[in-house]
Amino acid sequence: MQYADIAIAVLGAFALAWLADLVTGRRGLFATSLVSGVAAVVGWFLAIRVFAIGTMDEWGWVVWALTASALALGGFFLFRSKR
């Protein structure tokens, strides 16, 4: 499959968002999906364009994307309003 790494990154980011939403009490899958998706794109951008540690033909950027997604979700739940 030519685009398997992209599919894995998208599904992984959504799975992280779903898991974070499930663990924190179902407060909104759209918000966690948005945070996770944007952070995954940022992780890709850092790995490919900024630090140039890999190319789109390798799997290293997927790890960066999912790590950025997990960190952003952690920050999202740490700093969001608790009214």
PDB file of N, CA and C in Angstrom:
ATOM      1  N   MET A   1       0.830  -1.179   0.000  1.00  0.00           N
ATOM      2  CA  MET A   1       0.000   0.000   0.000  1.00  0.00           C
ATOM      3  C   MET A   1       0.875   1.243   0.000  1.00  0.00           C
ATOM      4  N   GLN A   2       0.580   2.114  -0.891  1.00  0.00           N
ATOM      5  CA  GLN A   2       1.413   3.289  -1.085  1.00  0.00           C
ATOM      6  C   GLN A   2       1.224   4.316   0.037  1.00  0.00           C
ATOM      7  N   TYR A   3       0.012   4.473   0.514  1.00  0.00           N
ATOM      8  CA  TYR A   3      -0.271   5.497   1.512  1.00  0.00           C
ATOM      9  C   TYR A   3      -0.592   4.903   2.878  1.00  0.00           C
ATOM     10  N   ALA A   4      -0.013   3.781   3.205  1.00  0.00           N
ATOM     11  CA  ALA A   4      -0.302   3.121   4.479  1.00  0.00           C
ATOM     12  C   ALA A   4       0.178   3.957   5.659  1.00  0.00           C
ATOM     13  N   ASP A   5       1.322   4.614   5.530  1.00  0.00           N
ATOM     14  CA  ASP A   5       1.824   5.419   6.636  1.00  0.00           C
ATOM     15  C   ASP A   5       0.919   6.603   6.935  1.00  0.00           C
ATOM     16  N   ILE A   6       0.353   7.206   5.918  1.00  0.00           N
ATOM     17  CA  ILE A   6      -0.567   8.325   6.119  1.00  0.00           C
ATOM     18  C   ILE A   6      -1.849   7.832   6.778  1.00  0.00           C
ATOM     19  N   ALA A   7      -2.351   6.701   6.331  1.00  0.00           N
ATOM     20  CA  ALA A   7      -3.563   6.135   6.930  1.00  0.00           C
ATOM     21  C   ALA A   7      -3.330   5.767   8.392  1.00  0.00           C
ATOM     22  N   ILE A   8      -2.182   5.210   8.701  1.00  0.00           N
ATOM     23  CA  ILE A   8      -1.849   4.857  10.089  1.00  0.00           C
ATOM     24  C   ILE A   8      -1.769   6.110  10.948  1.00  0.00           C
ATOM     25  N   ALA A   9      -1.173   7.183  10.427  1.00  0.00           N
ATOM     26  CA  ALA A   9      -1.060   8.426  11.187  1.00  0.00           C
ATOM     27  C   ALA A   9      -2.435   9.038  11.457  1.00  0.00           C
ATOM     28  N   VAL A  10      -3.306   9.041  10.458  1.00  0.00           N
ATOM     29  CA  VAL A  10      -4.646   9.609  10.635  1.00  0.00           C
ATOM     30  C   VAL A  10      -5.452   8.775  11.626  1.00  0.00           C
ATOM     31  N   LEU A  11      -5.439   7.467  11.449  1.00  0.00           N
ATOM     32  CA  LEU A  11      -6.182   6.598  12.362  1.00  0.00           C
ATOM     33  C   LEU A  11      -5.594   6.629  13.773  1.00  0.00           C
ATOM     34  N   GLY A  12      -4.284   6.725  13.872  1.00  0.00           N
ATOM     35  CA  GLY A  12      -3.640   6.823  15.189  1.00  0.00           C
ATOM     36  C   GLY A  12      -4.005   8.109  15.908  1.00  0.00           C
ATOM     37  N   ALA A  13      -4.025   9.221  15.187  1.00  0.00           N
ATOM     38  CA  ALA A  13      -4.399  10.499  15.795  1.00  0.00           C
ATOM     39  C   ALA A  13      -5.855  10.463  16.254  1.00  0.00           C
ATOM     40  N   PHE A  14      -6.735   9.882  15.432  1.00  0.00           N
ATOM     41  CA  PHE A  14      -8.133   9.779  15.849  1.00  0.00           C
ATOM     42  C   PHE A  14      -8.286   8.830  17.034  1.00  0.00           C
ATOM     43  N   ALA A  15      -7.537   7.744  17.041  1.00  0.00           N
ATOM     44  CA  ALA A  15      -7.611   6.804  18.166  1.00  0.00           C
ATOM     45  C   ALA A  15      -7.128   7.468  19.458  1.00  0.00           C
ATOM     46  N   LEU A  16      -6.075   8.265  19.378  1.00  0.00           N
ATOM     47  CA  LEU A  16      -5.615   8.983  20.559  1.00  0.00           C
ATOM     48  C   LEU A  16      -6.673   9.972  21.039  1.00  0.00           C
ATOM     49  N   ALA A  17      -7.325  10.662  20.116  1.00  0.00           N
ATOM     50  CA  ALA A  17      -8.376  11.615  20.489  1.00  0.00           C
ATOM     51  C   ALA A  17      -9.556  10.887  21.125  1.00  0.00           C
ATOM     52  N   TRP A  18      -9.945   9.765  20.540  1.00  0.00           N
ATOM     53  CA  TRP A  18     -11.066   9.004  21.093  1.00  0.00           C
ATOM     54  C   TRP A  18     -10.726   8.476  22.485  1.00  0.00           C
ATOM     55  N   LEU A  19      -9.518   7.967  22.655  1.00  0.00           N
ATOM     56  CA  LEU A  19      -9.090   7.447  23.944  1.00  0.00           C
ATOM     57  C   LEU A  19      -9.026   8.556  24.991  1.00  0.00           C
ATOM     58  N   ALA A  20      -8.495   9.711  24.622  1.00  0.00           N
ATOM     59  CA  ALA A  20      -8.429  10.834  25.563  1.00  0.00           C
ATOM     60  C   ALA A  20      -9.828  11.300  25.945  1.00  0.00           C
ATOM     61  N   ASP A  21     -10.728  11.334  24.984  1.00  0.00           N
ATOM     62  CA  ASP A  21     -12.103  11.731  25.265  1.00  0.00           C
ATOM     63  C   ASP A  21     -12.783  10.716  26.171  1.00  0.00           C
ATOM     64  N   LEU A  22     -12.512   9.463  25.939  1.00  0.00           N
ATOM     65  CA  LEU A  22     -13.108   8.399  26.754  1.00  0.00           C
ATOM     66  C   LEU A  22     -12.586   8.441  28.190  1.00  0.00           C
ATOM     67  N   VAL A  23     -11.292   8.654  28.349  1.00  0.00           N
ATOM     68  CA  VAL A  23     -10.675   8.655  29.675  1.00  0.00           C
ATOM     69  C   VAL A  23     -11.107   9.869  30.494  1.00  0.00           C
ATOM     70  N   THR A  24     -11.318  10.999  29.841  1.00  0.00           N
ATOM     71  CA  THR A  24     -11.631  12.234  30.569  1.00  0.00           C
ATOM     72  C   THR A  24     -13.115  12.471  30.765  1.00  0.00           C
ATOM     73  N   GLY A  25     -13.939  11.561  30.398  1.00  0.00           N
ATOM     74  CA  GLY A  25     -15.354  11.689  30.712  1.00  0.00           C
ATOM     75  C   GLY A  25     -16.238  12.155  29.583  1.00  0.00           C
ATOM     76  N   ARG A  26     -15.850  11.907  28.352  1.00  0.00           N
ATOM     77  CA  ARG A  26     -16.695  12.212  27.198  1.00  0.00           C
ATOM     78  C   ARG A  26     -17.157  13.669  27.170  1.00  0.00           C
ATOM     79  N   ARG A  27     -16.230  14.583  27.016  1.00  0.00           N
ATOM     80  CA  ARG A  27     -16.570  15.999  26.989  1.00  0.00           C
ATOM     81  C   ARG A  27     -16.711  16.562  25.585  1.00  0.00           C
ATOM     82  N   GLY A  28     -16.321  15.830  24.590  1.00  0.00           N
ATOM     83  CA  GLY A  28     -16.477  16.326  23.229  1.00  0.00           C
ATOM     84  C   GLY A  28     -15.432  15.741  22.305  1.00  0.00           C
ATOM     85  N   LEU A  29     -15.859  14.826  21.471  1.00  0.00           N
ATOM     86  CA  LEU A  29     -14.939  14.164  20.555  1.00  0.00           C
ATOM     87  C   LEU A  29     -14.445  15.124  19.475  1.00  0.00           C
ATOM     88  N   PHE A  30     -15.265  16.097  19.079  1.00  0.00           N
ATOM     89  CA  PHE A  30     -14.838  17.035  18.043  1.00  0.00           C
ATOM     90  C   PHE A  30     -13.634  17.858  18.508  1.00  0.00           C
ATOM     91  N   ALA A  31     -13.672  18.358  19.725  1.00  0.00           N
ATOM     92  CA  ALA A  31     -12.576  19.179  20.235  1.00  0.00           C
ATOM     93  C   ALA A  31     -11.286  18.374  20.355  1.00  0.00           C
ATOM     94  N   THR A  32     -11.379  17.179  20.893  1.00  0.00           N
ATOM     95  CA  THR A  32     -10.172  16.369  21.027  1.00  0.00           C
ATOM     96  C   THR A  32      -9.654  15.919  19.663  1.00  0.00           C
ATOM     97  N   SER A  33     -10.559  15.656  18.727  1.00  0.00           N
ATOM     98  CA  SER A  33     -10.129  15.286  17.373  1.00  0.00           C
ATOM     99  C   SER A  33      -9.433  16.453  16.685  1.00  0.00           C
ATOM    100  N   LEU A  34      -9.938  17.650  16.889  1.00  0.00           N
ATOM    101  CA  LEU A  34      -9.322  18.834  16.305  1.00  0.00           C
ATOM    102  C   LEU A  34      -7.931  19.069  16.873  1.00  0.00           C
ATOM    103  N   VAL A  35      -7.800  18.979  18.175  1.00  0.00           N
ATOM    104  CA  VAL A  35      -6.489  19.155  18.818  1.00  0.00           C
ATOM    105  C   VAL A  35      -5.526  18.078  18.346  1.00  0.00           C
ATOM    106  N   SER A  36      -5.970  16.857  18.315  1.00  0.00           N
ATOM    107  CA  SER A  36      -5.123  15.748  17.919  1.00  0.00           C
ATOM    108  C   SER A  36      -4.701  15.847  16.456  1.00  0.00           C
ATOM    109  N   GLY A  37      -5.623  16.202  15.584  1.00  0.00           N
ATOM    110  CA  GLY A  37      -5.317  16.321  14.160  1.00  0.00           C
ATOM    111  C   GLY A  37      -4.339  17.447  13.862  1.00  0.00           C
ATOM    112  N   VAL A  38      -4.571  18.598  14.470  1.00  0.00           N
ATOM    113  CA  VAL A  38      -3.662  19.736  14.253  1.00  0.00           C
ATOM    114  C   VAL A  38      -2.275  19.415  14.796  1.00  0.00           C
ATOM    115  N   ALA A  39      -2.212  18.791  15.951  1.00  0.00           N
ATOM    116  CA  ALA A  39      -0.917  18.433  16.528  1.00  0.00           C
ATOM    117  C   ALA A  39      -0.204  17.386  15.679  1.00  0.00           C
ATOM    118  N   ALA A  40      -0.943  16.471  15.077  1.00  0.00           N
ATOM    119  CA  ALA A  40      -0.315  15.479  14.201  1.00  0.00           C
ATOM    120  C   ALA A  40       0.297  16.146  12.970  1.00  0.00           C
ATOM    121  N   VAL A  41      -0.388  17.136  12.431  1.00  0.00           N
ATOM    122  CA  VAL A  41       0.166  17.883  11.295  1.00  0.00           C
ATOM    123  C   VAL A  41       1.409  18.655  11.723  1.00  0.00           C
ATOM    124  N   VAL A  42       1.380  19.226  12.914  1.00  0.00           N
ATOM    125  CA  VAL A  42       2.556  19.939  13.438  1.00  0.00           C
ATOM    126  C   VAL A  42       3.721  18.971  13.633  1.00  0.00           C
ATOM    127  N   GLY A  43       3.441  17.781  14.152  1.00  0.00           N
ATOM    128  CA  GLY A  43       4.495  16.780  14.313  1.00  0.00           C
ATOM    129  C   GLY A  43       5.092  16.366  12.983  1.00  0.00           C
ATOM    130  N   TRP A  44       4.248  16.196  11.974  1.00  0.00           N
ATOM    131  CA  TRP A  44       4.745  15.899  10.628  1.00  0.00           C
ATOM    132  C   TRP A  44       5.620  17.030  10.121  1.00  0.00           C
ATOM    133  N   PHE A  45       5.148  18.266  10.283  1.00  0.00           N
ATOM    134  CA  PHE A  45       5.891  19.432   9.796  1.00  0.00           C
ATOM    135  C   PHE A  45       7.251  19.537  10.477  1.00  0.00           C
ATOM    136  N   LEU A  46       7.291  19.305  11.772  1.00  0.00           N
ATOM    137  CA  LEU A  46       8.573  19.370  12.481  1.00  0.00           C
ATOM    138  C   LEU A  46       9.535  18.288  12.003  1.00  0.00           C
ATOM    139  N   ALA A  47       9.023  17.086  11.824  1.00  0.00           N
ATOM    140  CA  ALA A  47       9.893  15.982  11.427  1.00  0.00           C
ATOM    141  C   ALA A  47      10.392  16.116   9.995  1.00  0.00           C
ATOM    142  N   ILE A  48       9.535  16.525   9.083  1.00  0.00           N
ATOM    143  CA  ILE A  48       9.889  16.555   7.669  1.00  0.00           C
ATOM    144  C   ILE A  48      10.525  17.872   7.263  1.00  0.00           C
ATOM    145  N   ARG A  49       9.917  18.969   7.630  1.00  0.00           N
ATOM    146  CA  ARG A  49      10.357  20.277   7.125  1.00  0.00           C
ATOM    147  C   ARG A  49      11.350  20.997   8.013  1.00  0.00           C
ATOM    148  N   VAL A  50      11.169  20.957   9.326  1.00  0.00           N
ATOM    149  CA  VAL A  50      12.015  21.749  10.216  1.00  0.00           C
ATOM    150  C   VAL A  50      13.312  21.028  10.541  1.00  0.00           C
ATOM    151  N   PHE A  51      13.210  19.838  11.101  1.00  0.00           N
ATOM    152  CA  PHE A  51      14.411  19.117  11.515  1.00  0.00           C
ATOM    153  C   PHE A  51      14.975  18.212  10.432  1.00  0.00           C
ATOM    154  N   ALA A  52      14.199  17.916   9.421  1.00  0.00           N
ATOM    155  CA  ALA A  52      14.615  17.084   8.284  1.00  0.00           C
ATOM    156  C   ALA A  52      15.231  15.760   8.730  1.00  0.00           C
ATOM    157  N   ILE A  53      14.546  15.084   9.656  1.00  0.00           N
ATOM    158  CA  ILE A  53      15.066  13.809  10.144  1.00  0.00           C
ATOM    159  C   ILE A  53      14.613  12.641   9.288  1.00  0.00           C
ATOM    160  N   GLY A  54      13.735  12.894   8.353  1.00  0.00           N
ATOM    161  CA  GLY A  54      13.246  11.815   7.509  1.00  0.00           C
ATOM    162  C   GLY A  54      12.533  12.354   6.298  1.00  0.00           C
ATOM    163  N   THR A  55      11.982  11.440   5.539  1.00  0.00           N
ATOM    164  CA  THR A  55      11.196  11.803   4.369  1.00  0.00           C
ATOM    165  C   THR A  55       9.824  11.150   4.492  1.00  0.00           C
ATOM    166  N   MET A  56       8.960  11.436   3.548  1.00  0.00           N
ATOM    167  CA  MET A  56       7.633  10.833   3.568  1.00  0.00           C
ATOM    168  C   MET A  56       7.681   9.348   3.218  1.00  0.00           C
ATOM    169  N   ASP A  57       8.813   8.870   2.737  1.00  0.00           N
ATOM    170  CA  ASP A  57       8.942   7.451   2.407  1.00  0.00           C
ATOM    171  C   ASP A  57       9.299   6.602   3.613  1.00  0.00           C
ATOM    172  N   GLU A  58       9.647   7.241   4.725  1.00  0.00           N
ATOM    173  CA  GLU A  58      10.027   6.531   5.940  1.00  0.00           C
ATOM    174  C   GLU A  58       8.894   6.604   6.956  1.00  0.00           C
ATOM    175  N   TRP A  59       9.020   5.835   8.034  1.00  0.00           N
ATOM    176  CA  TRP A  59       7.977   5.779   9.052  1.00  0.00           C
ATOM    177  C   TRP A  59       8.276   6.644  10.265  1.00  0.00           C
ATOM    178  N   GLY A  60       9.416   7.306  10.307  1.00  0.00           N
ATOM    179  CA  GLY A  60       9.791   8.111  11.464  1.00  0.00           C
ATOM    180  C   GLY A  60       8.855   9.272  11.722  1.00  0.00           C
ATOM    181  N   TRP A  61       8.322   9.850  10.685  1.00  0.00           N
ATOM    182  CA  TRP A  61       7.430  10.996  10.865  1.00  0.00           C
ATOM    183  C   TRP A  61       6.115  10.607  11.520  1.00  0.00           C
ATOM    184  N   VAL A  62       5.716   9.357  11.364  1.00  0.00           N
ATOM    185  CA  VAL A  62       4.478   8.897  12.003  1.00  0.00           C
ATOM    186  C   VAL A  62       4.641   8.920  13.518  1.00  0.00           C
ATOM    187  N   VAL A  63       5.800   8.510  13.988  1.00  0.00           N
ATOM    188  CA  VAL A  63       6.081   8.543  15.428  1.00  0.00           C
ATOM    189  C   VAL A  63       6.056   9.987  15.927  1.00  0.00           C
ATOM    190  N   TRP A  64       6.671  10.889  15.171  1.00  0.00           N
ATOM    191  CA  TRP A  64       6.665  12.300  15.543  1.00  0.00           C
ATOM    192  C   TRP A  64       5.243  12.841  15.577  1.00  0.00           C
ATOM    193  N   ALA A  65       4.432  12.495  14.600  1.00  0.00           N
ATOM    194  CA  ALA A  65       3.062  12.993  14.529  1.00  0.00           C
ATOM    195  C   ALA A  65       2.236  12.491  15.720  1.00  0.00           C
ATOM    196  N   LEU A  66       2.358  11.227  16.050  1.00  0.00           N
ATOM    197  CA  LEU A  66       1.578  10.685  17.155  1.00  0.00           C
ATOM    198  C   LEU A  66       2.090  11.180  18.506  1.00  0.00           C
ATOM    199  N   THR A  67       3.387  11.403  18.618  1.00  0.00           N
ATOM    200  CA  THR A  67       3.941  11.969  19.852  1.00  0.00           C
ATOM    201  C   THR A  67       3.449  13.396  20.050  1.00  0.00           C
ATOM    202  N   ALA A  68       3.469  14.184  18.997  1.00  0.00           N
ATOM    203  CA  ALA A  68       2.956  15.553  19.085  1.00  0.00           C
ATOM    204  C   ALA A  68       1.478  15.556  19.428  1.00  0.00           C
ATOM    205  N   SER A  69       0.742  14.626  18.876  1.00  0.00           N
ATOM    206  CA  SER A  69      -0.684  14.517  19.167  1.00  0.00           C
ATOM    207  C   SER A  69      -0.914  14.205  20.643  1.00  0.00           C
ATOM    208  N   ALA A  70      -0.172  13.264  21.184  1.00  0.00           N
ATOM    209  CA  ALA A  70      -0.323  12.899  22.592  1.00  0.00           C
ATOM    210  C   ALA A  70       0.069  14.068  23.506  1.00  0.00           C
ATOM    211  N   LEU A  71       1.136  14.771  23.177  1.00  0.00           N
ATOM    212  CA  LEU A  71       1.556  15.916  23.987  1.00  0.00           C
ATOM    213  C   LEU A  71       0.523  17.042  23.939  1.00  0.00           C
ATOM    214  N   ALA A  72      -0.026  17.297  22.771  1.00  0.00           N
ATOM    215  CA  ALA A  72      -1.032  18.350  22.648  1.00  0.00           C
ATOM    216  C   ALA A  72      -2.315  17.991  23.396  1.00  0.00           C
ATOM    217  N   LEU A  73      -2.710  16.736  23.346  1.00  0.00           N
ATOM    218  CA  LEU A  73      -3.893  16.328  24.096  1.00  0.00           C
ATOM    219  C   LEU A  73      -3.652  16.456  25.601  1.00  0.00           C
ATOM    220  N   GLY A  74      -2.456  16.118  26.045  1.00  0.00           N
ATOM    221  CA  GLY A  74      -2.116  16.310  27.458  1.00  0.00           C
ATOM    222  C   GLY A  74      -2.194  17.773  27.850  1.00  0.00           C
ATOM    223  N   GLY A  75      -1.645  18.642  27.026  1.00  0.00           N
ATOM    224  CA  GLY A  75      -1.719  20.075  27.302  1.00  0.00           C
ATOM    225  C   GLY A  75      -3.130  20.606  27.227  1.00  0.00           C
ATOM    226  N   PHE A  76      -3.903  20.088  26.307  1.00  0.00           N
ATOM    227  CA  PHE A  76      -5.293  20.513  26.160  1.00  0.00           C
ATOM    228  C   PHE A  76      -6.088  20.226  27.422  1.00  0.00           C
ATOM    229  N   PHE A  77      -5.932  19.047  27.980  1.00  0.00           N
ATOM    230  CA  PHE A  77      -6.676  18.714  29.178  1.00  0.00           C
ATOM    231  C   PHE A  77      -6.077  19.333  30.429  1.00  0.00           C
ATOM    232  N   LEU A  78      -4.811  19.696  30.381  1.00  0.00           N
ATOM    233  CA  LEU A  78      -4.168  20.324  31.526  1.00  0.00           C
ATOM    234  C   LEU A  78      -4.554  21.798  31.648  1.00  0.00           C
ATOM    235  N   PHE A  79      -4.652  22.504  30.528  1.00  0.00           N
ATOM    236  CA  PHE A  79      -4.843  23.947  30.553  1.00  0.00           C
ATOM    237  C   PHE A  79      -6.234  24.433  30.166  1.00  0.00           C
ATOM    238  N   ARG A  80      -7.165  23.556  29.908  1.00  0.00           N
ATOM    239  CA  ARG A  80      -8.489  24.023  29.500  1.00  0.00           C
ATOM    240  C   ARG A  80      -9.282  24.507  30.701  1.00  0.00           C
ATOM    241  N   SER A  81     -10.311  25.254  30.432  1.00  0.00           N
ATOM    242  CA  SER A  81     -11.136  25.836  31.494  1.00  0.00           C
ATOM    243  C   SER A  81     -11.935  24.740  32.209  1.00  0.00           C
ATOM    244  N   LYS A  82     -12.023  24.844  33.507  1.00  0.00           N
ATOM    245  CA  LYS A  82     -12.726  23.838  34.316  1.00  0.00           C
ATOM    246  C   LYS A  82     -13.987  24.411  34.946  1.00  0.00           C
ATOM    247  N   ARG A  83     -14.742  25.230  34.273  1.00  0.00           N
ATOM    248  CA  ARG A  83     -15.918  25.860  34.879  1.00  0.00           C
ATOM    249  C   ARG A  83     -16.930  24.873  35.308  1.00  0.00           C
TER     250      ARG A  83
END
